[in-house]
Amino acid sequence: MDEEAISTNPKPFVFVLMPFDSSFDDIYKFGIKGAAQDAGAYAERIDEQIFTKGFSTGSSIKSTKLM
């Protein structure tokens, strides 16, 4: 039985900067986010993140591997 090894290493982060308009949802979900998952990365729009204080795109940009 072949078992795929599960890594505990964090996935590379893809910073996504695009309009938060519903007309872009399919492009993001099936194009950008899906492609990132297929490549072993993690994509997230700023509107999907939870903030307890203000947010800064600077910290997201600094942690990204692909923009």
Protein backbone atom coordinates (compact mmCIF):
# COMPACT_ATOMS: atom_id res chain seq x y z
CA MET A 1 0.00 0.00 0.00
CA ASP A 2 1.49 3.33 -1.08
CA GLU A 3 1.07 6.10 1.44
CA GLU A 4 1.89 9.66 0.56
CA ALA A 5 4.20 11.32 3.09
CA ILE A 6 2.62 14.25 4.87
CA SER A 7 4.92 17.21 5.41
CA THR A 8 4.69 19.43 8.44
CA ASN A 9 6.66 22.17 6.66
CA PRO A 10 4.64 25.30 5.90
CA LYS A 11 3.54 25.69 2.29
CA PRO A 12 4.87 28.62 0.24
CA PHE A 13 2.48 31.57 0.49
CA VAL A 14 1.09 33.27 -2.63
CA PHE A 15 -0.01 36.86 -2.00
CA VAL A 16 -3.08 37.68 -4.13
CA LEU A 17 -3.88 41.31 -4.84
CA MET A 18 -7.10 41.69 -6.84
CA PRO A 19 -10.53 43.35 -6.63
CA PHE A 20 -12.96 41.97 -4.03
CA ASP A 21 -15.76 41.86 -6.56
CA SER A 22 -17.94 38.77 -6.99
CA SER A 23 -17.22 38.81 -10.74
CA PHE A 24 -13.62 37.79 -9.87
CA ASP A 25 -14.55 34.95 -7.47
CA ASP A 26 -14.29 32.13 -10.03
CA ILE A 27 -10.98 33.48 -11.33
CA TYR A 28 -9.60 33.45 -7.80
CA LYS A 29 -11.10 30.17 -6.55
CA PHE A 30 -10.58 28.02 -9.63
CA GLY A 31 -7.69 29.79 -11.32
CA ILE A 32 -5.37 31.34 -8.79
CA LYS A 33 -6.14 29.39 -5.60
CA GLY A 34 -6.56 26.09 -7.44
CA ALA A 35 -3.28 26.54 -9.33
CA ALA A 36 -1.49 27.41 -6.08
CA GLN A 37 -2.81 24.25 -4.42
CA ASP A 38 -1.76 22.15 -7.42
CA ALA A 39 1.74 23.64 -7.09
CA GLY A 40 1.89 22.87 -3.37
CA ALA A 41 1.44 26.48 -2.27
CA TYR A 42 -1.17 28.35 -0.26
CA ALA A 43 -3.00 31.35 -1.76
CA GLU A 44 -5.17 33.69 0.26
CA ARG A 45 -6.85 37.01 -0.46
CA ILE A 46 -6.74 39.61 2.26
CA ASP A 47 -10.54 39.41 2.61
CA GLU A 48 -10.20 35.74 3.69
CA GLN A 49 -7.88 36.58 6.59
CA ILE A 50 -9.06 37.28 10.14
CA PHE A 51 -7.56 40.28 11.89
CA THR A 52 -7.87 41.23 15.54
CA LYS A 53 -6.21 44.59 14.87
CA GLY A 54 -5.61 46.49 11.65
CA PHE A 55 -4.03 44.78 8.68
CA SER A 56 -0.92 45.50 6.69
CA THR A 57 -0.24 44.28 3.18
CA GLY A 58 3.46 44.74 3.98
CA SER A 59 3.55 41.69 6.25
CA SER A 60 1.71 39.59 3.65
CA ILE A 61 4.08 40.70 0.90
CA LYS A 62 7.14 39.94 3.05
CA SER A 63 5.96 36.36 3.71
CA THR A 64 5.04 35.55 0.11
CA LYS A 65 7.04 33.29 -2.16
CA LEU A 66 5.16 34.21 -5.34
CA MET A 67 3.33 37.38 -6.29
